Protein backbone atom coordinates (compact mmCIF):
# COMPACT_ATOMS: atom_id res chain seq x y z
CA MET A 1 201.44 242.83 69.17
CA GLN A 2 202.87 241.01 66.16
CA ASN A 3 201.16 237.60 66.61
CA ARG A 4 197.60 238.87 66.70
CA HIS A 5 195.00 236.22 66.11
CA ILE A 6 192.00 237.47 64.17
CA MET A 7 188.78 235.95 65.50
CA SER A 8 186.93 233.93 62.91
CA ALA A 9 183.26 232.99 62.82
CA SER A 10 184.18 229.56 64.22
CA ASP A 11 185.64 231.13 67.38
CA ASP A 12 182.12 231.82 68.74
CA PRO A 13 182.83 234.76 71.03
CA ARG A 14 181.44 234.54 74.53
CA ARG A 15 180.68 237.55 76.69
CA VAL A 16 182.40 237.52 80.07
CA HIS A 17 182.25 240.03 82.87
CA PHE A 18 185.01 240.62 85.40
CA GLN A 19 186.28 243.35 87.62
CA SER A 20 189.76 244.79 87.34
CA PRO A 21 191.66 247.53 89.17
CA GLU A 22 191.00 250.85 87.47
CA TYR A 23 194.69 251.54 86.75
CA LEU A 24 194.92 248.32 84.67
CA VAL A 25 191.87 249.30 82.61
CA ASP A 26 193.36 252.78 82.08
CA ARG A 27 196.67 251.30 80.88
CA LEU A 28 194.84 248.82 78.68
CA ASP A 29 192.82 251.62 77.08
CA ALA A 30 196.00 253.67 76.48
CA ILE A 31 197.65 250.69 74.75
CA ALA A 32 194.50 250.08 72.69
CA ASP A 33 194.58 253.72 71.56
CA LEU A 34 198.27 253.44 70.73
CA PHE A 35 197.69 250.39 68.50
CA ASP A 36 194.38 251.72 67.15
CA THR A 37 192.43 248.71 68.39
CA ASP A 38 189.94 248.06 71.15
CA ARG A 39 190.19 246.77 74.69
CA THR A 40 188.56 243.42 73.87
CA ASP A 41 191.11 242.55 71.17
CA LEU A 42 193.97 243.31 73.55
CA LEU A 43 192.42 241.27 76.36
CA VAL A 44 191.75 238.30 74.09
CA GLU A 45 195.33 238.40 72.78
CA ALA A 46 196.78 238.73 76.30
CA ILE A 47 194.69 235.79 77.53
CA ARG A 48 195.68 233.69 74.49
CA GLU A 49 199.38 234.40 75.02
CA TYR A 50 199.16 233.66 78.74
CA ILE A 51 197.35 230.37 78.15
CA GLU A 52 199.85 229.32 75.47
CA GLU A 53 202.84 230.18 77.66
CA THR A 54 201.35 228.50 80.72
CA ALA A 55 200.24 225.35 78.88
CA ASN A 56 203.74 224.90 77.43
CA SER A 57 205.48 225.20 80.80
CA ASP A 58 207.06 222.05 82.22
CA SER A 59 205.24 222.41 85.54
CA VAL A 60 201.80 222.51 83.87
CA GLN A 61 202.68 219.63 81.53
CA GLU A 62 203.76 217.53 84.54
CA LEU A 63 200.67 218.47 86.56
CA VAL A 64 198.33 217.61 83.69
CA ALA A 65 200.10 214.26 83.16
CA THR A 66 199.93 213.39 86.87
CA LYS A 67 196.27 214.30 87.20
CA TYR A 68 195.38 212.50 83.95
CA TYR A 69 197.21 209.32 85.02
CA ASN A 70 195.49 209.46 88.43
CA GLY A 71 192.05 209.83 86.85
CA GLN A 72 191.57 213.41 88.07
CA LEU A 73 191.37 214.84 84.51
CA ASP A 74 189.48 213.45 81.56
CA PHE A 75 190.99 213.31 78.08
CA GLU A 76 189.06 216.32 76.76
CA THR A 77 190.29 218.56 79.59
CA ALA A 78 193.87 217.36 79.15
CA GLU A 79 193.54 218.08 75.43
CA GLN A 80 192.35 221.64 76.14
CA LEU A 81 195.26 222.22 78.50
CA VAL A 82 198.20 220.70 76.61
CA GLY A 83 196.98 220.26 73.05
CA THR A 84 195.86 217.28 71.00
CA GLU A 85 199.27 215.73 70.29
CA THR A 86 200.45 215.76 73.91
CA ALA A 87 197.06 214.56 75.18
CA GLN A 88 197.14 211.62 72.75
CA ARG A 89 200.63 210.69 73.99
CA LEU A 90 199.33 210.82 77.57
CA ARG A 91 196.40 208.58 76.62
CA LEU A 92 198.72 206.00 75.02
CA LEU A 93 201.07 206.03 78.01
CA LYS A 94 198.15 205.73 80.44
CA ARG A 95 196.88 202.68 78.56
CA ASP A 96 200.36 201.13 78.85
CA LEU A 97 200.46 201.92 82.57
CA ASP A 98 196.96 200.48 83.10
CA ASP A 99 197.77 197.21 81.31
CA GLU A 100 198.51 194.15 83.40
CA PRO A 101 202.23 193.45 83.56
CA LEU A 102 203.47 190.53 81.53
CA ASP A 103 204.04 187.36 83.57
CA LEU A 104 207.70 186.87 82.67
CA ASP A 105 210.45 185.27 84.71
CA ALA A 106 213.42 187.45 85.57
CA PRO A 107 216.28 186.97 83.10
CA THR A 108 219.33 184.97 84.15
CA ASP A 109 222.86 186.40 84.14
CA GLU A 110 223.61 184.36 81.02
CA GLU A 111 220.63 185.90 79.22
CA ILE A 112 221.61 189.41 80.28
CA TYR A 113 225.28 189.03 79.40
CA ASP A 114 224.71 186.86 76.31
CA GLY A 115 226.47 183.89 77.88
CA ASP A 116 229.55 185.95 78.85
CA ALA A 117 228.78 186.06 82.58
CA VAL A 118 231.90 186.01 84.75
CA SER A 119 231.96 184.79 88.33
CA VAL A 120 233.98 186.81 90.81
CA ASP A 121 235.92 185.13 93.60
CA SER A 122 235.16 187.12 96.76
CA ASP A 123 238.53 186.47 98.43
CA VAL A 124 240.57 187.80 95.48
CA GLY A 125 240.84 191.13 97.29
CA ASP A 126 242.28 189.35 100.35
CA ARG A 127 244.93 187.57 98.27
CA ALA A 128 245.80 190.74 96.34
CA ALA A 129 246.60 192.46 99.65
CA ASP A 130 248.75 189.49 100.77
CA PRO A 131 252.34 189.92 99.47
CA ALA A 132 252.85 186.14 99.59
CA ALA A 133 249.99 185.68 97.09
CA GLU A 134 251.27 188.30 94.61
CA GLY A 135 252.52 185.71 92.18
CA ASP A 136 249.09 184.07 92.03
CA ALA A 137 247.21 187.10 90.60
CA ASP A 138 247.37 188.49 87.07
CA GLU A 139 247.49 192.25 86.23
CA THR A 140 243.72 192.61 86.83
CA GLY A 141 244.04 191.23 90.37
CA ALA A 142 242.14 188.04 89.46
CA ALA A 143 243.59 184.75 90.63
CA PRO A 144 244.18 182.05 88.01
CA GLU A 145 241.42 179.45 87.81
CA ALA A 146 242.27 176.08 89.32
CA ASP A 147 242.58 173.14 86.92
CA GLU A 148 239.84 170.57 87.41
CA GLU A 149 240.89 166.95 87.07
């Protein structure tokens, strides 16, 4: 119980009522006695730790992102579940996903390869397998380019 969070006035406690198996309440009371605290403090701390651990799990992070992107969660709920920083990242990414794609033409091979595009002769493999054509190929298996006149 090292990371105990002390409730402040701004935490506005809320009374909740739930039923629990008797053996859990008995164990909880024994632990409260051991640490010289009360049942409520232990329950609040256990709930806080569970929520923190669950919210930081990859599966919950992915589920929140998916539901937020699909419009099934609003920003405030996402923020409660994964924290402000992560929720803001989700909001920025969602805006990017919702934007209309740019109307750009696909790049050409020359643009991709910075003008160093190389054409490949499809029958080089056939000549490399032909012993009579061995003298025509260099060490990479590429045939010499024909001189244009």
